[in-house]
C-alpha cells in the first residue's frame, strides 16, 4: 500500500485512468478482431468494411493517448496487408 500522500494520490490517479481507458481500449481491440475475423472468413467485402470502420477508431485512440502513433500505424499497415491479400 502507498505510504505517502503523494503515492496515495498517484495510485488514485492511476486507477481512474485505468478505468477511463478500459472502454476505449476494448472498443479498439474489438474493431481489430472484427477485421481479422472477416479476413479469416475470406470475405473481402466484409474485411474491407471492417477495416474502414477500424481505421478511425485506431486514429482516435492515438489522439486520446491510448496508443503510440507508431503502434497505430503498424496496426493499420498490417491489417491493410491482410485485407489486400484477399484481393489476390
Protein backbone atom coordinates (compact mmCIF):
# COMPACT_ATOMS: atom_id res chain seq x y z
CA UNK A 1 0.00 0.00 0.00
CA UNK A 2 1.10 3.55 -0.68
CA UNK A 3 2.78 5.12 2.34
CA UNK A 4 2.99 8.79 1.41
CA UNK A 5 0.22 11.17 0.44
CA UNK A 6 1.87 11.60 -2.95
CA UNK A 7 1.93 7.84 -3.55
CA UNK A 8 -1.71 7.53 -2.48
CA UNK A 9 -2.71 10.24 -4.91
CA UNK A 10 -0.73 8.64 -7.76
CA UNK A 11 -2.44 5.32 -7.03
CA UNK A 12 -5.85 7.04 -7.19
CA UNK A 13 -4.96 8.75 -10.46
CA UNK A 14 -3.65 5.53 -11.99
CA UNK A 15 -6.86 3.69 -11.09
CA UNK A 16 -9.05 6.46 -12.51
CA UNK A 17 -7.06 6.49 -15.74
CA UNK A 18 -7.16 2.70 -15.99
CA UNK A 19 -10.94 2.73 -15.70
CA UNK A 20 -11.30 5.61 -18.16
CA UNK A 21 -9.12 3.85 -20.73
CA UNK A 22 -10.73 0.40 -20.39
CA UNK A 23 -13.75 1.11 -22.59
CA UNK A 24 -11.90 2.73 -25.49
CA UNK A 25 -9.20 0.04 -25.34
CA UNK A 26 -11.84 -2.69 -25.52
CA UNK A 27 -13.52 -0.92 -28.45
CA UNK A 28 -10.17 -0.70 -30.26
CA UNK A 29 -9.41 -4.38 -29.76
CA UNK A 30 -12.91 -5.36 -30.88
CA UNK A 31 -12.55 -3.47 -34.15
CA UNK A 32 -9.15 -5.04 -34.82
CA UNK A 33 -10.57 -8.51 -34.10
CA UNK A 34 -13.52 -7.84 -36.42
CA UNK A 35 -11.12 -7.15 -39.30
CA UNK A 36 -9.16 -10.33 -38.56
CA UNK A 37 -12.36 -12.41 -38.37
CA UNK A 38 -13.50 -11.07 -41.74
CA UNK A 39 -10.09 -11.82 -43.24
CA UNK A 40 -10.13 -15.35 -41.79
CA UNK A 41 -13.57 -15.98 -43.29
CA UNK A 42 -12.23 -14.97 -46.70
CA UNK A 43 -14.96 -12.37 -47.30
CA UNK A 44 -13.22 -9.47 -49.00
CA UNK A 45 -16.21 -7.11 -48.83
CA UNK A 46 -16.69 -7.68 -45.11
CA UNK A 47 -12.95 -7.35 -44.46
CA UNK A 48 -12.81 -4.05 -46.36
CA UNK A 49 -15.85 -2.72 -44.48
CA UNK A 50 -14.42 -3.77 -41.12
CA UNK A 51 -11.08 -2.18 -42.00
CA UNK A 52 -12.82 1.09 -42.93
CA UNK A 53 -14.54 1.10 -39.54
CA UNK A 54 -11.38 0.19 -37.64
CA UNK A 55 -9.08 2.90 -39.03
CA UNK A 56 -10.88 5.89 -37.43
CA UNK A 57 -11.08 4.05 -34.10
CA UNK A 58 -7.33 3.41 -34.23
CA UNK A 59 -6.65 7.05 -35.11
CA UNK A 60 -8.87 8.33 -32.30
CA UNK A 61 -7.05 6.13 -29.81
CA UNK A 62 -3.82 7.92 -30.74
CA UNK A 63 -5.43 11.30 -30.15
CA UNK A 64 -6.64 10.20 -26.74
CA UNK A 65 -3.19 8.91 -25.76
CA UNK A 66 -4.26 5.28 -25.68
CA UNK A 67 -1.80 4.17 -28.38
CA UNK A 68 1.50 5.50 -29.62
CA UNK A 69 1.28 6.82 -33.18
CA UNK A 70 3.79 4.28 -34.47
CA UNK A 71 1.90 1.37 -32.94
CA UNK A 72 -1.30 2.65 -34.53
CA UNK A 73 0.45 2.94 -37.90
CA UNK A 74 1.75 -0.60 -37.50
CA UNK A 75 -1.75 -1.92 -36.74
CA UNK A 76 -3.24 -0.14 -39.75
CA UNK A 77 -0.45 -1.30 -42.03
CA UNK A 78 -0.70 -4.94 -41.02
CA UNK A 79 -4.49 -5.01 -41.15
CA UNK A 80 -4.34 -3.39 -44.58
CA UNK A 81 -1.90 -6.02 -45.78
CA UNK A 82 -4.27 -8.78 -44.68
CA UNK A 83 -7.21 -7.13 -46.43
CA UNK A 84 -5.25 -6.55 -49.64
CA UNK A 85 -4.03 -10.15 -49.62
CA UNK A 86 -7.65 -11.27 -50.03
CA UNK A 87 -7.89 -9.32 -53.29
CA UNK A 88 -5.39 -11.62 -54.87
